[in-house]
Protein backbone atom coordinates (compact mmCIF):
# COMPACT_ATOMS: atom_id res chain seq x y z
CA MET A 1 23.14 36.58 44.68
CA ASN A 2 22.90 39.27 42.13
CA SER A 3 21.40 38.94 38.69
CA LEU A 4 24.74 38.61 37.10
CA ALA A 5 25.85 35.65 39.18
CA ILE A 6 22.53 33.90 38.38
CA LYS A 7 22.88 34.38 34.75
CA SER A 8 26.48 32.94 34.90
CA VAL A 9 25.17 29.80 36.78
CA LYS A 10 22.60 29.31 34.19
CA TYR A 11 25.00 29.55 31.30
CA LEU A 12 27.55 27.21 33.30
CA VAL A 13 24.67 24.60 33.82
CA GLY A 14 23.70 24.99 29.97
CA LEU A 15 27.32 24.36 29.11
CA VAL A 16 27.67 21.35 31.17
CA PHE A 17 24.69 19.74 29.64
CA VAL A 18 25.91 20.69 26.02
CA GLY A 19 29.15 19.17 26.92
CA VAL A 20 27.75 15.94 28.22
CA PHE A 21 25.61 15.63 25.11
CA LEU A 22 28.60 16.13 22.75
CA TRP A 23 30.75 13.71 24.83
CA ALA A 24 28.21 10.99 24.45
CA LEU A 25 27.55 11.54 20.81
CA LEU A 26 31.40 11.50 19.98
CA TRP A 27 31.65 8.08 21.85
CA THR A 28 28.58 6.76 19.97
CA VAL A 29 30.19 7.59 16.64
CA VAL A 30 33.54 6.23 17.80
CA GLY A 31 31.76 2.95 18.80
CA LEU A 32 29.93 2.66 15.58
CA ILE A 33 33.17 3.17 13.62
CA GLN A 34 35.29 0.59 15.76
CA GLU A 35 32.41 -1.95 15.91
CA PRO A 36 29.94 -1.32 13.14
CA PRO A 37 26.55 -3.27 13.63
CA LYS A 38 26.37 -6.76 12.31
CA GLU A 39 24.67 -7.28 9.13
CA THR A 40 21.35 -9.13 9.63
CA ALA A 41 19.67 -11.71 7.42
CA GLU A 42 16.82 -9.28 6.72
CA HIS A 43 19.37 -6.85 5.40
CA ALA A 44 21.20 -9.34 3.41
CA ILE A 45 18.49 -11.23 1.82
CA HIS A 46 15.59 -9.00 1.80
CA LYS A 47 14.94 -7.55 -1.66
CA HIS A 48 13.44 -4.22 -2.68
CA PRO A 49 10.20 -4.46 -4.83
CA LYS A 50 10.58 -5.15 -8.45
CA GLU A 51 9.77 -2.16 -10.71
CA LEU A 52 6.14 -2.06 -11.82
CA SER A 53 4.64 0.34 -14.38
CA LEU A 54 0.90 0.90 -14.17
CA ALA A 55 -1.24 3.02 -16.28
CA SER A 56 -2.10 5.14 -13.17
CA ASP A 57 1.43 6.07 -12.65
CA GLY A 58 2.41 9.50 -12.89
CA PRO A 59 0.60 12.83 -12.60
CA LEU A 60 -1.20 12.41 -15.93
CA GLY A 61 -1.79 8.71 -15.37
CA LYS A 62 -5.34 7.03 -15.59
CA PHE A 63 -6.60 3.83 -14.62
CA ASP A 64 -6.79 0.96 -17.28
CA ARG A 65 -10.35 -0.19 -16.67
CA GLN A 66 -9.91 -3.56 -18.35
CA GLN A 67 -6.77 -4.24 -16.14
CA LEU A 68 -8.84 -3.13 -13.08
CA GLN A 69 -11.58 -5.72 -14.09
CA ARG A 70 -9.00 -8.41 -14.56
CA GLY A 71 -7.47 -7.64 -11.10
CA PHE A 72 -11.01 -7.78 -9.61
CA VAL A 73 -11.29 -11.31 -11.13
CA VAL A 74 -8.01 -12.36 -9.47
CA TYR A 75 -9.15 -10.77 -6.05
CA LYS A 76 -12.52 -12.54 -6.30
CA GLU A 77 -11.27 -15.95 -7.45
CA VAL A 78 -7.96 -16.16 -5.38
CA CYS A 79 -7.75 -13.64 -2.76
CA SER A 80 -11.30 -13.19 -1.40
CA GLN A 81 -11.28 -16.50 0.44
CA CYS A 82 -9.00 -15.10 3.09
CA HIS A 83 -8.66 -11.26 2.63
CA SER A 84 -11.47 -8.65 3.16
CA LEU A 85 -12.20 -5.64 1.17
CA SER A 86 -14.46 -4.01 3.79
CA LEU A 87 -13.87 -0.49 2.73
CA VAL A 88 -15.33 -1.00 -0.73
CA SER A 89 -18.91 -1.28 -1.78
CA PHE A 90 -20.21 -3.40 -4.61
CA ARG A 91 -21.72 -0.37 -6.30
CA ASN A 92 -18.15 1.00 -6.72
CA LEU A 93 -17.62 -1.58 -9.27
CA LYS A 94 -19.59 0.42 -11.68
CA ASP A 95 -16.33 2.90 -11.80
CA LEU A 96 -14.47 -0.28 -13.43
CA GLY A 97 -17.08 -0.43 -16.18
CA TYR A 98 -19.48 -2.90 -14.81
CA THR A 99 -23.22 -2.14 -15.55
CA ASP A 100 -25.96 -2.04 -12.86
CA PRO A 101 -27.19 -5.52 -13.56
CA GLU A 102 -23.63 -6.78 -13.51
CA VAL A 103 -23.00 -5.29 -10.10
CA LYS A 104 -26.20 -6.56 -8.87
CA LYS A 105 -25.43 -10.21 -9.85
CA ILE A 106 -21.83 -9.96 -8.51
CA ALA A 107 -23.24 -8.91 -4.94
CA LYS A 108 -25.96 -11.48 -5.03
CA ASP A 109 -23.69 -14.37 -6.03
CA TRP A 110 -20.82 -13.25 -3.68
CA ALA A 111 -19.82 -16.11 -1.40
CA MET A 112 -19.84 -14.15 1.90
CA LYS A 113 -23.30 -12.88 2.73
CA GLN A 114 -24.30 -9.95 4.92
CA PRO A 115 -24.65 -10.68 8.70
CA VAL A 116 -27.87 -9.61 10.08
CA PHE A 117 -29.17 -9.80 13.75
CA ASP A 118 -32.50 -10.85 14.56
CA GLU A 119 -33.56 -8.84 17.61
CA LYS A 120 -36.56 -11.10 18.23
CA GLY A 121 -34.83 -14.27 18.28
CA GLY A 122 -31.56 -12.81 19.53
CA THR A 123 -29.60 -14.69 16.82
CA TRP A 124 -27.47 -13.81 13.93
CA GLY A 125 -28.28 -14.69 10.40
CA GLU A 126 -27.48 -13.95 6.88
CA ARG A 127 -29.03 -12.16 3.76
CA PRO A 128 -27.89 -11.72 0.29
CA ASN A 129 -25.63 -8.73 -0.60
CA VAL A 130 -27.10 -5.78 -2.49
CA PRO A 131 -25.15 -3.21 -4.47
CA SER A 132 -25.10 -0.68 -1.67
CA ASP A 133 -23.45 -3.06 0.69
CA ARG A 134 -19.79 -3.08 1.42
CA PHE A 135 -17.76 -6.38 0.72
CA PRO A 136 -18.50 -8.68 3.66
CA LYS A 137 -15.63 -9.25 6.02
CA VAL A 138 -13.82 -12.56 5.78
CA TYR A 139 -13.64 -14.55 9.12
CA TYR A 140 -10.42 -16.64 8.46
CA ALA A 141 -10.53 -20.00 10.25
CA GLY A 142 -6.65 -20.50 10.10
CA THR A 143 -4.02 -19.02 12.48
CA GLY A 144 -3.61 -15.42 12.39
CA THR A 145 -5.71 -12.60 10.71
CA PRO A 146 -4.89 -11.89 7.09
CA PRO A 147 -4.83 -8.02 6.46
CA ASP A 148 -7.99 -6.22 4.92
CA LEU A 149 -6.68 -5.39 1.33
CA SER A 150 -8.80 -2.28 0.91
CA LEU A 151 -5.86 0.12 1.70
CA ILE A 152 -3.00 -2.40 1.27
CA THR A 153 -1.18 -0.25 -1.29
CA LYS A 154 -1.28 2.63 0.85
CA ALA A 155 -0.23 1.00 4.00
CA ARG A 156 2.97 -0.75 2.35
CA HIS A 157 6.00 1.08 1.14
CA ASP A 158 6.15 0.89 -2.64
CA GLY A 159 2.53 0.09 -2.72
CA ALA A 160 1.54 -1.80 -6.02
CA ALA A 161 4.99 -2.89 -6.53
CA TYR A 162 5.17 -4.48 -3.21
CA VAL A 163 2.10 -6.44 -3.77
CA TYR A 164 3.42 -7.48 -7.20
CA SER A 165 6.74 -8.52 -5.89
CA LEU A 166 5.34 -10.49 -2.96
CA LEU A 167 2.87 -12.46 -5.20
CA THR A 168 5.65 -13.19 -7.63
CA GLY A 169 8.50 -13.67 -5.07
CA TYR A 170 7.60 -17.26 -3.72
CA ASP A 171 9.71 -19.03 -6.26
CA GLU A 172 12.88 -17.07 -5.57
CA LYS A 173 15.43 -18.55 -3.16
CA PRO A 174 18.28 -17.11 -1.04
CA SER A 175 21.57 -17.24 -2.87
CA ALA A 176 24.39 -19.84 -1.88
CA GLU A 177 26.44 -16.98 -0.41
CA ALA A 178 23.56 -15.72 1.76
CA VAL A 179 22.78 -19.19 3.05
CA LYS A 180 26.37 -19.91 3.87
CA LYS A 181 26.42 -16.52 5.76
CA PHE A 182 22.93 -17.34 7.50
CA PRO A 183 22.62 -21.02 7.57
CA GLU A 184 19.36 -20.54 9.49
CA PHE A 185 17.67 -19.74 6.18
CA ALA A 186 18.89 -22.99 4.47
CA LYS A 187 15.43 -24.46 5.69
CA THR A 188 12.13 -22.58 6.00
CA PRO A 189 10.38 -23.18 9.15
CA GLU A 190 7.43 -25.57 9.26
CA GLY A 191 4.10 -23.69 8.16
CA MET A 192 6.01 -20.69 6.51
CA HIS A 193 7.11 -19.84 3.17
CA PHE A 194 10.28 -18.15 2.09
CA ASN A 195 9.69 -14.86 0.31
CA PRO A 196 12.50 -12.29 -0.06
CA TYR A 197 10.09 -9.44 -0.54
CA PHE A 198 8.42 -10.03 2.87
CA ALA A 199 9.84 -7.92 5.95
CA ASN A 200 11.11 -10.86 7.85
CA LEU A 201 11.62 -13.20 4.86
CA ASN A 202 9.16 -16.03 5.89
CA ILE A 203 5.55 -15.53 5.58
CA ALA A 204 2.69 -17.74 6.69
CA MET A 205 0.56 -17.04 3.45
CA PRO A 206 1.07 -19.74 0.93
CA PRO A 207 1.60 -18.82 -2.70
CA PRO A 208 -1.70 -17.64 -3.88
CA LEU A 209 -0.77 -17.81 -7.57
CA THR A 210 0.24 -21.21 -8.12
CA GLN A 211 -0.01 -21.73 -11.87
CA ASP A 212 -0.59 -19.96 -15.09
CA GLY A 213 -4.28 -20.01 -16.12
CA GLN A 214 -5.65 -19.96 -12.58
CA VAL A 215 -8.25 -17.52 -13.61
CA THR A 216 -10.02 -16.88 -16.95
CA TYR A 217 -10.07 -13.46 -18.28
CA SER A 218 -13.03 -12.43 -20.55
CA ASP A 219 -10.89 -10.00 -22.61
CA GLY A 220 -8.69 -12.99 -23.75
CA THR A 221 -5.63 -11.77 -21.89
CA ARG A 222 -3.38 -14.79 -20.98
CA ALA A 223 -3.38 -15.25 -17.36
CA THR A 224 0.23 -15.80 -16.33
CA LYS A 225 1.24 -15.59 -12.75
CA ALA A 226 3.03 -12.29 -13.42
CA GLN A 227 0.01 -10.92 -15.39
CA MET A 228 -2.24 -11.88 -12.48
CA ALA A 229 -0.07 -10.31 -9.93
CA GLU A 230 0.11 -7.14 -11.99
CA ASP A 231 -3.56 -6.92 -12.44
CA VAL A 232 -4.50 -7.37 -8.96
CA ALA A 233 -1.95 -4.93 -7.66
CA ALA A 234 -3.46 -2.31 -9.95
CA PHE A 235 -6.87 -3.25 -8.77
CA LEU A 236 -5.68 -2.67 -5.14
CA THR A 237 -4.36 0.66 -6.26
CA TRP A 238 -7.75 1.61 -7.32
CA THR A 239 -9.50 0.32 -4.11
CA ALA A 240 -7.06 2.40 -1.94
CA GLU A 241 -7.80 5.49 -3.87
CA PRO A 242 -10.69 5.33 -6.23
CA THR A 243 -10.83 8.99 -6.71
CA LEU A 244 -7.26 9.32 -7.88
CA GLU A 245 -8.31 10.66 -11.36
CA THR A 246 -10.70 13.14 -9.94
CA ARG A 247 -8.22 14.36 -7.52
CA ARG A 248 -5.49 15.04 -10.16
CA MET A 249 -7.96 16.67 -12.40
CA VAL A 250 -9.11 19.08 -9.64
CA GLY A 251 -5.42 19.67 -8.90
CA PHE A 252 -4.66 20.83 -12.43
CA VAL A 253 -7.87 23.02 -12.55
CA VAL A 254 -6.72 24.67 -9.23
CA LEU A 255 -3.29 25.07 -10.51
CA GLY A 256 -4.47 26.64 -13.87
CA PHE A 257 -6.71 29.13 -11.80
CA LEU A 258 -3.78 30.20 -9.58
CA LEU A 259 -1.73 30.77 -12.50
CA PHE A 260 -4.42 32.80 -14.39
CA ALA A 261 -5.00 34.69 -10.99
CA THR A 262 -1.33 35.50 -10.74
CA ILE A 263 -1.11 36.80 -14.31
CA LEU A 264 -4.31 38.90 -13.79
CA ALA A 265 -2.88 40.41 -10.65
CA TYR A 266 0.24 41.32 -12.27
CA GLY A 267 -1.43 42.94 -15.08
CA ALA A 268 -3.70 44.89 -12.63
CA TYR A 269 -0.56 46.01 -10.84
CA ARG A 270 1.09 47.22 -14.13
CA VAL A 271 -2.13 49.18 -14.93
CA VAL A 272 -2.49 50.77 -11.54
CA TRP A 273 0.97 51.75 -11.06
CA ALA A 274 1.75 52.61 -14.59
CA ASN A 275 1.68 56.40 -14.20
CA VAL A 276 3.13 56.64 -10.63
CA LYS A 277 6.72 58.00 -10.60
CA HIS A 278 9.01 56.67 -7.90
C-alpha cells in the first residue's frame, strides 16, 4: 500500500470519528430540547448569598480592626465549642489590635488546652496554651465533624457572604409555592435544620446565633444576630488571608515600579534612536 492510500485511510478514519461525535452531540442537544432536565428542589429553593459589604472589600479595602475583634468574640463565645481554627496562632491576634498581655491571657484562659504526650508514662496530657501555639483542635462529640473555620471563606463560594447568609438564614422558610411543588420540604427531617443557603437545604448544625445580645461587645456595639453574623464573617475573612493588606500594598508597589520602568524604557528608546534616520 502506497503512502497516498495510507493517508486516505487515516483521513477516512478521522472523518468517521468526527461524524460519530457530531451525531452524538446533535442527538444530545435534541434530547435536551425535547425533554429538558427536571427542576430539582435544590435549584428551586436554594438561595444565592445575600449581599455583604465589608471594609476589606475592593482593591483598596482594609480590615476594620474593631469589627475583627468583635468577630473574634463571636467565634470564641459561640463557634469555638464545635469548630476548630487550627491554622491560626494566638499571637496572630496582635494583628487585630490586642496587646501582648491580652494575647497571653486569651491563650491561657482558652477552654481547649494543648495536648502533650508523656513519653515516659506513655500517656497523653494537657498544658496551658501560650501565644506561639495554634488554636487547639476541637474534638466534637456529636455526629459528623464540623469543618475547621480557618479557611472557610476561601473554601466556600461567595466567602464571607456565604457565612453571613448561612448564619442568618435559619429563620427563612421555603415559600408555599415551593412546598407545593416539592412537598418533601414541608417537613424538615429529624435532627436537621432548614437553611436555604446551605447546599442541600438541610443542615445538621443548629442555629448558632439564637438571639440578640448573645455576646457582649466591649465597644458598645449592639450585638444583634445580623451584626454578630457580619462580624464573625469579617473575622473569618481575616483568618483565611491575614496578609491581605500587605499583599495589596506590595501589588500596588510592583505596578508602580513597572509603570515607572516602562516610562523610563520609552524615554531611553527616544533618546537612543532620536538621530537615527529610517
